[in-house]
């Protein structure tokens, strides 16, 4: 039983890292004028930083999560084709695919007793930690499932180090200062 619980938490922390990685990519490099992903992925991300309650007021459970479910299913399908799929990758991708919903719960003023209980238990991210991401300039605390992974990544400056590595090896600098939400944040400061 202990092995199953331990495996679940490893999958949860890996899933949390994946939510953080994609969130970091969106916040750091995604601009609304990019072809294909600009209006579909970048613009909603920017709108979320301008109006943090937008994801609470709009959409349905299905519309909020279908992109993540599709991506998780596609990645799992690829893993199956490559022979790398197993129960751990399935659980990790399943948990990752609900990152948007947990993220939404952290923007809600009131959640169900079960969600509140899971937050209090530390199984899912507490509002207090996620709110740190929404403090200008939005350059940390990207993981949205738990509070544990962010604590480690922030302590070792993981995201800033990754940005420096990318800039040095590819010449690509972060785009966050070019985003409309950066202008909005500066105006509010």
Protein backbone atom coordinates (compact mmCIF):
# COMPACT_ATOMS: atom_id res chain seq x y z
CA UNK A 1 0.00 0.00 0.00
CA UNK A 2 2.82 2.38 0.88
CA UNK A 3 4.41 1.71 -2.50
CA UNK A 4 1.15 2.66 -4.28
CA UNK A 5 0.78 5.88 -2.27
CA UNK A 6 4.43 6.74 -2.92
CA UNK A 7 4.05 6.05 -6.66
CA UNK A 8 0.92 8.25 -6.74
CA UNK A 9 2.80 11.18 -5.19
CA UNK A 10 5.74 10.77 -7.58
CA UNK A 11 3.25 10.85 -10.48
CA UNK A 12 1.53 13.89 -8.93
CA UNK A 13 4.82 15.78 -8.55
CA UNK A 14 5.86 14.89 -12.12
CA UNK A 15 2.45 16.07 -13.32
CA UNK A 16 2.85 19.27 -11.32
CA UNK A 17 6.24 19.88 -12.95
CA UNK A 18 4.65 19.40 -16.39
CA UNK A 19 1.90 21.94 -15.60
CA UNK A 20 4.61 24.34 -14.47
CA UNK A 21 6.73 23.76 -17.55
CA UNK A 22 3.88 24.54 -19.95
CA UNK A 23 2.71 27.47 -17.82
CA UNK A 24 6.27 28.84 -17.81
CA UNK A 25 6.50 28.45 -21.60
CA UNK A 26 3.22 30.35 -22.04
CA UNK A 27 4.14 33.14 -19.63
CA UNK A 28 7.72 33.52 -20.83
CA UNK A 29 7.67 33.00 -24.59
CA UNK A 30 4.05 33.06 -25.82
CA UNK A 31 2.81 36.14 -27.71
CA UNK A 32 -0.71 36.67 -29.03
CA UNK A 33 0.43 37.35 -32.61
CA UNK A 34 2.14 33.95 -33.02
CA UNK A 35 0.62 31.83 -35.80
CA UNK A 36 -1.56 28.89 -34.71
CA UNK A 37 -1.01 29.16 -30.95
CA UNK A 38 -1.32 32.94 -30.57
CA UNK A 39 -5.09 33.22 -30.38
CA UNK A 40 -5.66 29.69 -29.11
CA UNK A 41 -3.13 29.48 -26.27
CA UNK A 42 -1.22 32.75 -25.80
CA UNK A 43 -4.15 35.18 -25.81
CA UNK A 44 -6.16 33.31 -23.11
CA UNK A 45 -3.02 33.13 -20.97
CA UNK A 46 -2.47 36.87 -21.31
CA UNK A 47 -6.15 37.57 -20.57
CA UNK A 48 -5.83 35.47 -17.41
CA UNK A 49 -3.08 37.76 -16.11
CA UNK A 50 -5.12 40.85 -16.96
CA UNK A 51 -8.31 39.44 -15.37
CA UNK A 52 -7.53 36.62 -12.93
CA UNK A 53 -11.24 35.91 -12.35
CA UNK A 54 -11.97 35.32 -16.05
CA UNK A 55 -11.43 31.55 -15.77
CA UNK A 56 -13.86 31.42 -12.85
CA UNK A 57 -16.61 33.32 -14.69
CA UNK A 58 -16.36 31.73 -18.13
CA UNK A 59 -16.31 28.36 -19.78
CA UNK A 60 -17.50 24.94 -18.79
CA UNK A 61 -15.66 22.04 -17.23
CA UNK A 62 -15.30 20.60 -20.74
CA UNK A 63 -14.15 23.79 -22.47
CA UNK A 64 -11.62 24.58 -19.72
CA UNK A 65 -9.99 21.16 -19.89
CA UNK A 66 -10.41 19.79 -23.42
CA UNK A 67 -7.08 21.12 -24.70
CA UNK A 68 -5.20 19.51 -21.81
CA UNK A 69 -7.10 16.23 -22.21
CA UNK A 70 -6.32 16.20 -25.93
CA UNK A 71 -2.64 16.91 -25.34
CA UNK A 72 -2.40 14.25 -22.62
CA UNK A 73 -4.15 11.67 -24.81
CA UNK A 74 -1.90 12.52 -27.77
CA UNK A 75 1.27 12.23 -25.69
CA UNK A 76 0.08 8.96 -24.17
CA UNK A 77 -0.74 7.65 -27.66
CA UNK A 78 2.77 8.54 -28.78
CA UNK A 79 4.21 6.78 -25.72
CA UNK A 80 2.14 3.69 -26.56
CA UNK A 81 3.44 3.71 -30.14
CA UNK A 82 7.03 4.04 -28.87
CA UNK A 83 6.51 1.30 -26.28
CA UNK A 84 7.13 3.66 -23.35
CA UNK A 85 3.61 3.78 -21.92
CA UNK A 86 2.87 2.32 -18.52
CA UNK A 87 0.56 2.92 -15.60
CA UNK A 88 2.86 5.64 -14.23
CA UNK A 89 2.89 7.67 -17.44
CA UNK A 90 -0.89 7.24 -17.69
CA UNK A 91 -1.48 8.51 -14.13
CA UNK A 92 1.00 11.37 -14.59
CA UNK A 93 -0.65 12.54 -17.81
CA UNK A 94 -4.13 12.11 -16.33
CA UNK A 95 -3.20 14.31 -13.36
CA UNK A 96 -1.50 16.83 -15.66
CA UNK A 97 -4.66 17.07 -17.74
CA UNK A 98 -6.57 18.43 -14.74
CA UNK A 99 -4.08 21.23 -14.04
CA UNK A 100 -6.39 23.89 -15.44
CA UNK A 101 -9.19 22.82 -13.12
CA UNK A 102 -6.99 22.91 -10.01
CA UNK A 103 -5.68 26.28 -11.24
CA UNK A 104 -9.27 27.51 -11.47
CA UNK A 105 -10.00 26.32 -7.91
CA UNK A 106 -7.20 28.61 -6.71
CA UNK A 107 -8.99 31.58 -8.25
CA UNK A 108 -12.38 30.75 -6.74
CA UNK A 109 -13.46 32.51 -3.56
CA UNK A 110 -15.31 29.40 -2.40
CA UNK A 111 -14.68 25.78 -3.37
CA UNK A 112 -16.38 22.51 -2.51
CA UNK A 113 -15.64 20.95 0.89
CA UNK A 114 -13.67 18.16 -0.87
CA UNK A 115 -11.43 20.65 -2.69
CA UNK A 116 -10.92 22.65 0.50
CA UNK A 117 -10.04 19.44 2.35
CA UNK A 118 -7.49 18.45 -0.33
CA UNK A 119 -5.92 21.93 -0.14
CA UNK A 120 -5.76 21.77 3.66
CA UNK A 121 -4.20 18.29 3.44
CA UNK A 122 -1.58 19.59 1.01
CA UNK A 123 -2.58 17.20 -1.78
CA UNK A 124 -3.38 20.10 -4.12
CA UNK A 125 -2.00 23.60 -4.25
CA UNK A 126 -3.12 26.12 -1.67
CA UNK A 127 -4.44 29.50 -2.85
CA UNK A 128 -1.75 31.27 -0.82
CA UNK A 129 1.03 29.79 -2.95
CA UNK A 130 -0.68 30.27 -6.30
CA UNK A 131 -1.36 33.92 -5.50
CA UNK A 132 2.42 34.41 -5.41
CA UNK A 133 2.47 33.72 -9.17
CA UNK A 134 0.05 36.58 -9.77
CA UNK A 135 2.28 39.17 -8.15
CA UNK A 136 4.11 41.22 -10.78
CA UNK A 137 6.14 40.40 -12.78
CA UNK A 138 4.62 36.83 -12.90
CA UNK A 139 8.03 35.17 -13.02
CA UNK A 140 7.67 32.27 -10.63
CA UNK A 141 5.43 29.70 -9.02
CA UNK A 142 4.27 28.25 -12.35
CA UNK A 143 3.27 24.78 -11.14
CA UNK A 144 -0.46 24.62 -10.40
CA UNK A 145 -1.20 21.19 -8.92
CA UNK A 146 0.69 21.12 -5.61
CA UNK A 147 2.69 23.47 -3.42
CA UNK A 148 5.70 21.16 -3.04
CA UNK A 149 7.25 21.35 -6.53
CA UNK A 150 7.14 25.16 -6.69
CA UNK A 151 8.91 25.37 -3.35
CA UNK A 152 11.85 23.34 -4.67
CA UNK A 153 12.03 25.01 -8.11
CA UNK A 154 11.91 28.53 -6.69
CA UNK A 155 14.59 27.73 -4.11
CA UNK A 156 17.03 26.66 -6.86
CA UNK A 157 16.01 29.42 -9.35
CA UNK A 158 15.13 26.71 -11.87
CA UNK A 159 13.10 28.86 -14.30
CA UNK A 160 15.58 31.75 -14.44
CA UNK A 161 18.44 29.28 -14.97
CA UNK A 162 16.50 27.57 -17.77
CA UNK A 163 15.85 30.95 -19.42
CA UNK A 164 19.56 31.81 -19.26
CA UNK A 165 20.47 28.43 -20.75
CA UNK A 166 18.00 28.92 -23.60
CA UNK A 167 19.24 32.47 -24.24
CA UNK A 168 22.88 31.38 -24.29
CA UNK A 169 22.35 28.29 -26.47
CA UNK A 170 19.72 29.62 -28.90
CA UNK A 171 19.79 33.41 -28.60
CA UNK A 172 16.07 33.39 -27.74
CA UNK A 173 15.28 35.77 -24.90
CA UNK A 174 12.11 35.74 -22.79
CA UNK A 175 9.22 37.63 -24.42
CA UNK A 176 7.32 38.49 -21.24
CA UNK A 177 8.17 42.21 -21.47
CA UNK A 178 6.57 42.35 -24.95
CA UNK A 179 3.26 40.95 -23.78
CA UNK A 180 0.14 43.05 -23.27
CA UNK A 181 -0.18 41.76 -19.68
CA UNK A 182 3.31 43.11 -18.92
CA UNK A 183 2.13 46.57 -19.96
CA UNK A 184 -0.99 46.16 -17.81
CA UNK A 185 1.11 45.04 -14.86
CA UNK A 186 3.46 48.02 -15.26
CA UNK A 187 0.48 50.40 -15.42
CA UNK A 188 -0.90 48.96 -12.15
CA UNK A 189 2.46 49.21 -10.33
